[in-house]
Amino acid sequence: MGRLAQGQFWTPRAPHRAWGALVREEFAAPAAGKPWKVTIPAAYLWRIVSLRVVLTSSAQAANRSPGVAILDNRGTIYYEAVAAQVLPAAQKVGVSVVESPTLITSEKDVPQVLAIPEMLFEPEFVLEGVTTNLQTEDQFSAVQVLAEQFEPNPDHPIAEVEATARALQLLQTAVDLATP
């Protein structure tokens, strides 16, 4: 197996004994009035340690409640959480997303904390901001993710099963597309 390089670790978790590293990624801010979106890279599995965005509300009167949704690459929603605290007009707040926080606060002027379940995200899964009453001039910025990133282990017995399942999915898609 060899020695671990700096920043790498061996994990007995669900990625089937894959090599992993802690990565910090920054994503571009979306256009005003649009939700933030983070897509898991195509070649990796991720376990989200934390995700942080900043929401600056416009002067338009509305109470916004920031949230997060977990979707697959086809848009199927697997999980959604919205903060209990609302953000009024002309305010700025940090929104943190973590696995099972011990404290979720609803105090005024305290950053929002949302819980997501501990899960291993497959390639191309999406984390997306879902904010109630998002206004056209509201702006998300500073989208940052801290994640454990794994490369699937091709030597693990599950890899052959996963490759076969993916091949069957592709075959089914081809049949669906060819069927009038």
N, C-alpha and C. Protein backbone atom coordinates (compact mmCIF):
# COMPACT_ATOMS: atom_id res chain seq x y z
N MET A 1 0.81 -1.18 0.00
CA MET A 1 0.00 0.00 0.00
C MET A 1 0.86 1.25 0.00
N GLY A 2 1.97 1.25 0.72
CA GLY A 2 2.85 2.41 0.74
C GLY A 2 2.46 3.42 1.80
N ARG A 3 3.26 4.47 1.87
CA ARG A 3 3.03 5.53 2.86
C ARG A 3 2.00 6.51 2.34
N LEU A 4 1.31 7.13 3.28
CA LEU A 4 0.34 8.16 2.92
C LEU A 4 1.08 9.47 2.71
N ALA A 5 0.72 10.18 1.66
CA ALA A 5 1.28 11.50 1.42
C ALA A 5 0.58 12.50 2.33
N GLN A 6 1.20 13.65 2.51
CA GLN A 6 0.59 14.67 3.34
C GLN A 6 -0.78 15.04 2.79
N GLY A 7 -1.78 15.11 3.66
CA GLY A 7 -3.13 15.45 3.24
C GLY A 7 -3.96 14.23 2.86
N GLN A 8 -3.36 13.02 2.84
CA GLN A 8 -4.10 11.81 2.53
C GLN A 8 -4.33 11.02 3.80
N PHE A 9 -5.36 10.20 3.79
CA PHE A 9 -5.64 9.35 4.94
C PHE A 9 -6.31 8.08 4.46
N TRP A 10 -6.23 7.07 5.30
CA TRP A 10 -6.87 5.78 5.02
C TRP A 10 -8.17 5.77 5.80
N THR A 11 -9.25 5.40 5.17
CA THR A 11 -10.53 5.44 5.85
C THR A 11 -11.24 4.10 5.77
N PRO A 12 -11.85 3.64 6.87
CA PRO A 12 -12.64 2.42 6.82
C PRO A 12 -14.10 2.71 6.45
N ARG A 13 -14.40 3.93 6.01
CA ARG A 13 -15.78 4.30 5.69
C ARG A 13 -16.27 3.67 4.39
N ALA A 14 -17.46 4.07 4.03
CA ALA A 14 -18.16 3.50 2.88
C ALA A 14 -17.48 3.59 1.52
N PRO A 15 -16.44 4.39 1.30
CA PRO A 15 -15.88 4.40 -0.05
C PRO A 15 -15.07 3.16 -0.39
N HIS A 16 -15.30 2.12 0.34
CA HIS A 16 -14.69 0.82 0.03
C HIS A 16 -13.17 0.88 -0.01
N ARG A 17 -12.60 1.42 1.06
CA ARG A 17 -11.16 1.49 1.24
C ARG A 17 -10.46 2.30 0.16
N ALA A 18 -11.04 3.41 -0.19
CA ALA A 18 -10.43 4.29 -1.19
C ALA A 18 -9.42 5.21 -0.53
N TRP A 19 -8.48 5.72 -1.32
CA TRP A 19 -7.58 6.75 -0.83
C TRP A 19 -8.38 8.03 -0.80
N GLY A 20 -8.13 8.86 0.20
CA GLY A 20 -8.88 10.11 0.30
C GLY A 20 -8.00 11.27 0.69
N ALA A 21 -8.50 12.45 0.47
CA ALA A 21 -7.80 13.67 0.84
C ALA A 21 -8.84 14.71 1.23
N LEU A 22 -8.45 15.60 2.12
CA LEU A 22 -9.30 16.70 2.50
C LEU A 22 -9.09 17.82 1.49
N VAL A 23 -10.16 18.27 0.84
CA VAL A 23 -10.04 19.32 -0.17
C VAL A 23 -10.92 20.50 0.19
N ARG A 24 -10.46 21.68 -0.17
CA ARG A 24 -11.24 22.90 0.00
C ARG A 24 -11.44 23.49 -1.38
N GLU A 25 -12.70 23.64 -1.77
CA GLU A 25 -13.02 24.15 -3.10
C GLU A 25 -13.82 25.44 -2.97
N GLU A 26 -13.55 26.38 -3.85
CA GLU A 26 -14.35 27.60 -3.93
C GLU A 26 -15.09 27.58 -5.26
N PHE A 27 -16.34 28.05 -5.23
CA PHE A 27 -17.17 28.05 -6.43
C PHE A 27 -17.60 29.47 -6.75
N ALA A 28 -17.82 29.74 -8.02
CA ALA A 28 -18.21 31.07 -8.47
C ALA A 28 -19.57 31.45 -7.89
N ALA A 29 -19.73 32.72 -7.58
CA ALA A 29 -21.00 33.22 -7.09
C ALA A 29 -22.01 33.20 -8.24
N PRO A 30 -23.26 32.83 -7.96
CA PRO A 30 -24.27 32.84 -9.01
C PRO A 30 -24.72 34.26 -9.31
N ALA A 31 -25.49 34.42 -10.37
CA ALA A 31 -26.06 35.72 -10.70
C ALA A 31 -27.03 36.14 -9.60
N ALA A 32 -27.28 37.42 -9.49
CA ALA A 32 -28.22 37.93 -8.48
C ALA A 32 -29.57 37.27 -8.64
N GLY A 33 -30.18 36.88 -7.52
CA GLY A 33 -31.50 36.27 -7.55
C GLY A 33 -31.50 34.79 -7.90
N LYS A 34 -30.32 34.21 -8.09
CA LYS A 34 -30.21 32.79 -8.45
C LYS A 34 -29.58 32.02 -7.28
N PRO A 35 -29.94 30.74 -7.12
CA PRO A 35 -29.35 29.95 -6.03
C PRO A 35 -27.91 29.55 -6.34
N TRP A 36 -27.16 29.28 -5.28
CA TRP A 36 -25.81 28.74 -5.46
C TRP A 36 -25.95 27.26 -5.80
N LYS A 37 -24.91 26.70 -6.42
CA LYS A 37 -24.94 25.29 -6.80
C LYS A 37 -23.52 24.73 -6.76
N VAL A 38 -23.38 23.54 -6.17
CA VAL A 38 -22.10 22.84 -6.11
C VAL A 38 -22.31 21.45 -6.69
N THR A 39 -21.53 21.10 -7.71
CA THR A 39 -21.62 19.78 -8.34
C THR A 39 -20.38 18.97 -7.96
N ILE A 40 -20.59 17.75 -7.50
CA ILE A 40 -19.48 16.86 -7.13
C ILE A 40 -18.71 16.52 -8.41
N PRO A 41 -17.37 16.63 -8.39
CA PRO A 41 -16.59 16.32 -9.59
C PRO A 41 -16.85 14.91 -10.11
N ALA A 42 -16.78 14.76 -11.42
CA ALA A 42 -17.15 13.50 -12.09
C ALA A 42 -16.29 12.30 -11.67
N ALA A 43 -15.05 12.50 -11.29
CA ALA A 43 -14.16 11.37 -11.02
C ALA A 43 -14.04 11.03 -9.54
N TYR A 44 -14.81 11.68 -8.66
CA TYR A 44 -14.61 11.50 -7.23
C TYR A 44 -15.89 11.23 -6.47
N LEU A 45 -15.72 10.72 -5.27
CA LEU A 45 -16.78 10.62 -4.27
C LEU A 45 -16.45 11.67 -3.22
N TRP A 46 -17.47 12.33 -2.69
CA TRP A 46 -17.24 13.34 -1.66
C TRP A 46 -18.07 13.04 -0.43
N ARG A 47 -17.50 13.36 0.75
CA ARG A 47 -18.26 13.44 1.99
C ARG A 47 -18.09 14.88 2.45
N ILE A 48 -19.18 15.61 2.51
CA ILE A 48 -19.12 17.02 2.86
C ILE A 48 -18.81 17.16 4.35
N VAL A 49 -17.77 17.91 4.66
CA VAL A 49 -17.43 18.25 6.04
C VAL A 49 -18.17 19.54 6.38
N SER A 50 -18.06 20.53 5.51
CA SER A 50 -18.81 21.77 5.71
C SER A 50 -18.94 22.49 4.37
N LEU A 51 -19.96 23.33 4.31
CA LEU A 51 -20.21 24.16 3.14
C LEU A 51 -20.62 25.51 3.69
N ARG A 52 -20.11 26.57 3.12
CA ARG A 52 -20.42 27.91 3.62
C ARG A 52 -20.67 28.85 2.45
N VAL A 53 -21.74 29.63 2.56
CA VAL A 53 -22.07 30.67 1.58
C VAL A 53 -22.48 31.92 2.34
N VAL A 54 -22.41 33.05 1.69
CA VAL A 54 -22.87 34.30 2.27
C VAL A 54 -24.06 34.78 1.45
N LEU A 55 -25.15 35.11 2.14
CA LEU A 55 -26.34 35.65 1.49
C LEU A 55 -26.49 37.11 1.88
N THR A 56 -26.49 37.98 0.88
CA THR A 56 -26.75 39.40 1.09
C THR A 56 -28.12 39.69 0.51
N SER A 57 -29.05 40.06 1.38
CA SER A 57 -30.42 40.32 0.92
C SER A 57 -30.52 41.75 0.37
N SER A 58 -31.35 41.90 -0.63
CA SER A 58 -31.55 43.21 -1.24
C SER A 58 -32.47 44.05 -0.36
N ALA A 59 -32.76 45.26 -0.80
CA ALA A 59 -33.65 46.15 -0.05
C ALA A 59 -35.13 45.78 -0.21
N GLN A 60 -35.42 44.82 -1.08
CA GLN A 60 -36.81 44.40 -1.28
C GLN A 60 -37.34 43.75 -0.01
N ALA A 61 -38.50 44.19 0.44
CA ALA A 61 -39.09 43.67 1.67
C ALA A 61 -39.53 42.22 1.49
N ALA A 62 -38.93 41.32 2.26
CA ALA A 62 -39.31 39.90 2.27
C ALA A 62 -38.47 39.22 3.33
N ASN A 63 -39.01 38.20 3.93
CA ASN A 63 -38.25 37.39 4.89
C ASN A 63 -37.77 36.14 4.17
N ARG A 64 -36.46 36.03 4.01
CA ARG A 64 -35.87 34.89 3.31
C ARG A 64 -35.44 33.85 4.33
N SER A 65 -35.58 32.59 3.95
CA SER A 65 -35.08 31.48 4.77
C SER A 65 -34.16 30.64 3.91
N PRO A 66 -32.83 30.75 4.10
CA PRO A 66 -31.90 29.98 3.28
C PRO A 66 -31.95 28.49 3.61
N GLY A 67 -31.68 27.68 2.61
CA GLY A 67 -31.69 26.25 2.80
C GLY A 67 -30.77 25.54 1.82
N VAL A 68 -30.77 24.22 1.88
CA VAL A 68 -29.94 23.40 1.00
C VAL A 68 -30.74 22.18 0.55
N ALA A 69 -30.51 21.77 -0.69
CA ALA A 69 -31.12 20.55 -1.23
C ALA A 69 -30.01 19.66 -1.79
N ILE A 70 -30.21 18.36 -1.70
CA ILE A 70 -29.29 17.38 -2.28
C ILE A 70 -30.03 16.71 -3.42
N LEU A 71 -29.45 16.78 -4.63
CA LEU A 71 -30.08 16.23 -5.82
C LEU A 71 -29.10 15.33 -6.56
N ASP A 72 -29.63 14.38 -7.34
CA ASP A 72 -28.75 13.65 -8.24
C ASP A 72 -28.64 14.46 -9.53
N ASN A 73 -27.87 13.97 -10.50
CA ASN A 73 -27.65 14.73 -11.72
C ASN A 73 -28.88 14.77 -12.64
N ARG A 74 -29.94 14.08 -12.28
CA ARG A 74 -31.20 14.14 -13.05
C ARG A 74 -32.21 15.07 -12.39
N GLY A 75 -31.86 15.64 -11.24
CA GLY A 75 -32.74 16.58 -10.56
C GLY A 75 -33.64 15.98 -9.50
N THR A 76 -33.47 14.69 -9.20
CA THR A 76 -34.26 14.06 -8.15
C THR A 76 -33.77 14.56 -6.80
N ILE A 77 -34.66 15.11 -5.99
CA ILE A 77 -34.29 15.64 -4.68
C ILE A 77 -34.30 14.51 -3.66
N TYR A 78 -33.17 14.34 -2.95
CA TYR A 78 -33.03 13.32 -1.93
C TYR A 78 -33.20 13.89 -0.53
N TYR A 79 -32.89 15.17 -0.36
CA TYR A 79 -32.94 15.78 0.96
C TYR A 79 -33.07 17.28 0.79
N GLU A 80 -33.80 17.91 1.72
CA GLU A 80 -33.93 19.36 1.68
C GLU A 80 -34.11 19.87 3.11
N ALA A 81 -33.41 20.94 3.45
CA ALA A 81 -33.53 21.56 4.78
C ALA A 81 -33.52 23.07 4.60
N VAL A 82 -34.40 23.75 5.35
CA VAL A 82 -34.47 25.20 5.32
C VAL A 82 -34.33 25.70 6.75
N ALA A 83 -33.56 26.75 6.93
CA ALA A 83 -33.31 27.29 8.26
C ALA A 83 -34.57 27.86 8.88
N ALA A 84 -34.66 27.79 10.20
CA ALA A 84 -35.80 28.33 10.93
C ALA A 84 -35.73 29.85 11.00
N GLN A 85 -34.54 30.40 11.02
CA GLN A 85 -34.36 31.84 11.13
C GLN A 85 -34.58 32.49 9.77
N VAL A 86 -35.19 33.68 9.77
CA VAL A 86 -35.40 34.41 8.52
C VAL A 86 -34.44 35.58 8.43
N LEU A 87 -34.14 35.97 7.21
CA LEU A 87 -33.26 37.10 6.94
C LEU A 87 -34.10 38.19 6.30
N PRO A 88 -34.27 39.33 6.96
CA PRO A 88 -35.07 40.41 6.37
C PRO A 88 -34.28 41.17 5.30
N ALA A 89 -34.88 42.23 4.78
CA ALA A 89 -34.26 43.03 3.73
C ALA A 89 -32.97 43.70 4.21
N ALA A 90 -32.06 43.92 3.26
CA ALA A 90 -30.82 44.66 3.49
C ALA A 90 -29.98 44.10 4.64
N GLN A 91 -29.80 42.79 4.66
CA GLN A 91 -28.97 42.13 5.68
C GLN A 91 -27.95 41.23 4.98
N LYS A 92 -26.95 40.83 5.73
CA LYS A 92 -25.93 39.91 5.22
C LYS A 92 -25.70 38.85 6.27
N VAL A 93 -25.72 37.58 5.87
CA VAL A 93 -25.55 36.51 6.84
C VAL A 93 -24.78 35.36 6.19
N GLY A 94 -23.96 34.69 6.99
CA GLY A 94 -23.28 33.48 6.54
C GLY A 94 -24.19 32.30 6.77
N VAL A 95 -24.19 31.39 5.83
CA VAL A 95 -25.00 30.16 5.94
C VAL A 95 -24.02 28.99 5.93
N SER A 96 -24.02 28.20 6.99
CA SER A 96 -23.14 27.05 7.09
C SER A 96 -23.95 25.77 7.01
N VAL A 97 -23.44 24.81 6.29
CA VAL A 97 -24.06 23.51 6.16
C VAL A 97 -23.06 22.48 6.67
N VAL A 98 -23.46 21.72 7.69
CA VAL A 98 -22.57 20.73 8.30
C VAL A 98 -23.33 19.45 8.57
N GLU A 99 -22.59 18.38 8.84
CA GLU A 99 -23.22 17.12 9.21
C GLU A 99 -23.68 17.21 10.65
N SER A 100 -24.93 16.98 10.90
CA SER A 100 -25.51 16.85 12.24
C SER A 100 -24.91 17.78 13.28
N PRO A 101 -25.13 19.10 13.17
CA PRO A 101 -24.54 20.00 14.16
C PRO A 101 -25.14 19.75 15.54
N THR A 102 -24.36 19.97 16.57
CA THR A 102 -24.86 19.78 17.93
C THR A 102 -25.76 20.92 18.34
N LEU A 103 -25.62 22.06 17.68
CA LEU A 103 -26.43 23.22 18.02
C LEU A 103 -26.90 23.89 16.73
N ILE A 104 -28.19 24.02 16.58
CA ILE A 104 -28.73 24.80 15.48
C ILE A 104 -29.38 26.01 16.12
N THR A 105 -28.85 27.17 15.85
CA THR A 105 -29.31 28.37 16.52
C THR A 105 -30.35 29.10 15.70
N SER A 106 -31.21 29.84 16.36
CA SER A 106 -32.16 30.70 15.67
C SER A 106 -32.04 32.12 16.20
N GLU A 107 -30.89 32.45 16.77
CA GLU A 107 -30.67 33.79 17.31
C GLU A 107 -30.46 34.78 16.17
N LYS A 108 -30.91 36.02 16.37
CA LYS A 108 -30.73 37.08 15.38
C LYS A 108 -29.25 37.39 15.23
N ASP A 109 -28.81 37.68 14.00
CA ASP A 109 -27.44 38.05 13.68
C ASP A 109 -26.42 36.94 13.91
N VAL A 110 -26.86 35.72 14.05
CA VAL A 110 -25.96 34.59 14.19
C VAL A 110 -26.02 33.81 12.88
N PRO A 111 -24.89 33.38 12.34
CA PRO A 111 -24.94 32.64 11.08
C PRO A 111 -25.90 31.45 11.13
N GLN A 112 -26.54 31.22 10.01
CA GLN A 112 -27.45 30.09 9.88
C GLN A 112 -26.64 28.80 9.86
N VAL A 113 -27.14 27.77 10.54
CA VAL A 113 -26.49 26.46 10.49
C VAL A 113 -27.54 25.44 10.06
N LEU A 114 -27.28 24.75 8.97
CA LEU A 114 -28.18 23.72 8.47
C LEU A 114 -27.50 22.37 8.57
N ALA A 115 -28.27 21.34 8.88
CA ALA A 115 -27.72 19.99 8.97
C ALA A 115 -27.98 19.23 7.68
N ILE A 116 -27.00 18.46 7.26
CA ILE A 116 -27.20 17.51 6.17
C ILE A 116 -26.83 16.14 6.72
N PRO A 117 -27.44 15.09 6.19
CA PRO A 117 -27.08 13.76 6.68
C PRO A 117 -25.67 13.38 6.25
N GLU A 118 -25.01 12.57 7.09
CA GLU A 118 -23.70 12.07 6.68
C GLU A 118 -23.91 11.08 5.55
N MET A 119 -23.37 11.41 4.41
CA MET A 119 -23.52 10.51 3.26
C MET A 119 -22.35 10.71 2.32
N LEU A 120 -22.11 9.69 1.53
CA LEU A 120 -21.07 9.74 0.53
C LEU A 120 -21.73 10.14 -0.78
N PHE A 121 -21.34 11.28 -1.32
CA PHE A 121 -21.94 11.78 -2.54
C PHE A 121 -21.26 11.17 -3.76
N GLU A 122 -22.05 10.64 -4.64
CA GLU A 122 -21.53 10.07 -5.88
C GLU A 122 -21.16 11.19 -6.83
N PRO A 123 -20.33 10.88 -7.85
CA PRO A 123 -19.98 11.89 -8.84
C PRO A 123 -21.23 12.52 -9.45
N GLU A 124 -21.15 13.82 -9.67
CA GLU A 124 -22.18 14.62 -10.33
C GLU A 124 -23.44 14.82 -9.48
N PHE A 125 -23.43 14.42 -8.19
CA PHE A 125 -24.52 14.83 -7.31
C PHE A 125 -24.42 16.34 -7.13
N VAL A 126 -25.51 16.98 -6.75
CA VAL A 126 -25.56 18.44 -6.67
C VAL A 126 -26.06 18.87 -5.29
N LEU A 127 -25.41 19.84 -4.70
CA LEU A 127 -25.91 20.55 -3.53
C LEU A 127 -26.33 21.91 -4.04
N GLU A 128 -27.55 22.31 -3.72
CA GLU A 128 -28.07 23.56 -4.29
C GLU A 128 -28.78 24.36 -3.20
N GLY A 129 -28.62 25.66 -3.27
CA GLY A 129 -29.31 26.55 -2.34
C GLY A 129 -30.79 26.61 -2.67
N VAL A 130 -31.61 26.41 -1.66
CA VAL A 130 -33.06 26.59 -1.80
C VAL A 130 -33.46 27.62 -0.75
N THR A 131 -33.86 28.77 -1.19
CA THR A 131 -34.17 29.85 -0.28
C THR A 131 -35.60 30.32 -0.51
N THR A 132 -36.41 30.27 0.53
CA THR A 132 -37.77 30.75 0.39
C THR A 132 -37.75 32.28 0.28
N ASN A 133 -38.58 32.80 -0.58
CA ASN A 133 -38.71 34.25 -0.81
C ASN A 133 -37.42 34.89 -1.32
N LEU A 134 -36.61 34.16 -2.08
CA LEU A 134 -35.40 34.75 -2.67
C LEU A 134 -35.84 35.84 -3.66
N GLN A 135 -35.27 37.02 -3.52
CA GLN A 135 -35.64 38.15 -4.36
C GLN A 135 -34.66 38.28 -5.53
N THR A 136 -35.09 38.99 -6.57
CA THR A 136 -34.28 39.08 -7.80
C THR A 136 -32.94 39.76 -7.60
N GLU A 137 -32.80 40.58 -6.57
CA GLU A 137 -31.53 41.28 -6.34
C GLU A 137 -30.74 40.70 -5.17
N ASP A 138 -31.23 39.64 -4.53
CA ASP A 138 -30.47 38.98 -3.48
C ASP A 138 -29.23 38.34 -4.09
N GLN A 139 -28.14 38.30 -3.34
CA GLN A 139 -26.89 37.80 -3.90
C GLN A 139 -26.21 36.81 -2.96
N PHE A 140 -25.89 35.62 -3.48
CA PHE A 140 -25.05 34.67 -2.77
C PHE A 140 -23.61 34.90 -3.21
N SER A 141 -22.67 34.70 -2.29
CA SER A 141 -21.26 34.84 -2.62
C SER A 141 -20.44 33.93 -1.70
N ALA A 142 -19.14 33.89 -1.94
CA ALA A 142 -18.20 33.13 -1.10
C ALA A 142 -18.64 31.69 -0.88
N VAL A 143 -18.96 30.99 -1.97
CA VAL A 143 -19.39 29.59 -1.88
C VAL A 143 -18.13 28.73 -1.69
N GLN A 144 -18.01 28.09 -0.52
CA GLN A 144 -16.84 27.29 -0.19
C GLN A 144 -17.24 25.94 0.37
N VAL A 145 -16.52 24.90 -0.04
CA VAL A 145 -16.79 23.54 0.43
C VAL A 145 -15.51 22.94 0.99
N LEU A 146 -15.65 22.27 2.13
CA LEU A 146 -14.57 21.46 2.68
C LEU A 146 -15.10 20.03 2.64
N ALA A 147 -14.39 19.14 1.95
CA ALA A 147 -14.89 17.79 1.76
C ALA A 147 -13.76 16.77 1.82
N GLU A 148 -14.12 15.55 2.24
CA GLU A 148 -13.22 14.41 2.06
C GLU A 148 -13.47 13.93 0.63
N GLN A 149 -12.42 13.86 -0.15
CA GLN A 149 -12.53 13.47 -1.55
C GLN A 149 -11.88 12.11 -1.74
N PHE A 150 -12.62 11.19 -2.33
CA PHE A 150 -12.13 9.83 -2.53
C PHE A 150 -12.10 9.46 -3.99
N GLU A 151 -11.09 8.69 -4.35
CA GLU A 151 -11.07 8.07 -5.67
C GLU A 151 -11.57 6.65 -5.48
N PRO A 152 -12.58 6.25 -6.22
CA PRO A 152 -13.06 4.87 -6.07
C PRO A 152 -11.92 3.87 -6.29
N ASN A 153 -11.92 2.80 -5.51
CA ASN A 153 -10.88 1.78 -5.59
C ASN A 153 -11.28 0.73 -6.63
N PRO A 154 -10.62 0.71 -7.79
CA PRO A 154 -11.01 -0.24 -8.84
C PRO A 154 -10.71 -1.69 -8.51
N ASP A 155 -9.88 -1.94 -7.47
CA ASP A 155 -9.53 -3.30 -7.10
C ASP A 155 -10.52 -3.92 -6.10
N HIS A 156 -11.41 -3.11 -5.56
CA HIS A 156 -12.37 -3.61 -4.59
C HIS A 156 -13.46 -4.38 -5.32
N PRO A 157 -13.95 -5.50 -4.77
CA PRO A 157 -14.96 -6.32 -5.46
C PRO A 157 -16.23 -5.55 -5.83
N ILE A 158 -16.58 -4.53 -5.06
CA ILE A 158 -17.79 -3.78 -5.38
C ILE A 158 -17.63 -2.99 -6.67
N ALA A 159 -16.38 -2.67 -7.05
CA ALA A 159 -16.14 -1.88 -8.25
C ALA A 159 -16.69 -2.58 -9.49
N GLU A 160 -16.53 -3.91 -9.57
CA GLU A 160 -17.04 -4.66 -10.73
C GLU A 160 -18.56 -4.61 -10.77
N VAL A 161 -19.20 -4.74 -9.62
CA VAL A 161 -20.66 -4.66 -9.54
C VAL A 161 -21.13 -3.28 -9.98
N GLU A 162 -20.44 -2.22 -9.49
CA GLU A 162 -20.82 -0.86 -9.85
C GLU A 162 -20.62 -0.61 -11.34
N ALA A 163 -19.53 -1.13 -11.92
CA ALA A 163 -19.28 -0.95 -13.35
C ALA A 163 -20.36 -1.65 -14.17
N THR A 164 -20.77 -2.83 -13.75
CA THR A 164 -21.82 -3.56 -14.45
C THR A 164 -23.15 -2.81 -14.35
N ALA A 165 -23.45 -2.30 -13.16
CA ALA A 165 -24.70 -1.55 -12.98
C ALA A 165 -24.70 -0.29 -13.83
N ARG A 166 -23.57 0.40 -13.92
CA ARG A 166 -23.49 1.61 -14.75
C ARG A 166 -23.64 1.26 -16.23
N ALA A 167 -23.05 0.15 -16.66
CA ALA A 167 -23.18 -0.29 -18.05
C ALA A 167 -24.65 -0.61 -18.38
N LEU A 168 -25.34 -1.25 -17.43
CA LEU A 168 -26.76 -1.54 -17.64
C LEU A 168 -27.59 -0.26 -17.70
N GLN A 169 -27.25 0.73 -16.89
CA GLN A 169 -27.95 2.01 -16.94
C GLN A 169 -27.76 2.67 -18.30
N LEU A 170 -26.53 2.64 -18.80
CA LEU A 170 -26.25 3.23 -20.12
C LEU A 170 -27.00 2.49 -21.22
N LEU A 171 -27.05 1.18 -21.12
CA LEU A 171 -27.78 0.38 -22.10
C LEU A 171 -29.27 0.71 -22.06
N GLN A 172 -29.83 0.83 -20.84
CA GLN A 172 -31.25 1.18 -20.70
C GLN A 172 -31.52 2.56 -21.29
N THR A 173 -30.62 3.50 -21.06
CA THR A 173 -30.78 4.85 -21.62
C THR A 173 -30.77 4.79 -23.15
N ALA A 174 -29.85 4.01 -23.71
CA ALA A 174 -29.78 3.88 -25.17
C ALA A 174 -31.07 3.26 -25.72
N VAL A 175 -31.60 2.26 -25.03
CA VAL A 175 -32.87 1.62 -25.46
C VAL A 175 -34.01 2.64 -25.38
N ASP A 176 -34.05 3.40 -24.28
CA ASP A 176 -35.09 4.42 -24.12
C ASP A 176 -35.04 5.46 -25.22
N LEU A 177 -33.84 5.89 -25.58
CA LEU A 177 -33.68 6.89 -26.62
C LEU A 177 -34.05 6.36 -28.00
N ALA A 178 -33.80 5.07 -28.21
CA ALA A 178 -34.09 4.46 -29.51
C ALA A 178 -35.53 4.05 -29.67
N THR A 179 -36.26 3.97 -28.56
CA THR A 179 -37.67 3.55 -28.61
C THR A 179 -38.55 4.75 -28.92
N PRO A 180 -39.35 4.64 -30.00
CA PRO A 180 -40.22 5.79 -30.36
C PRO A 180 -41.36 5.98 -29.39
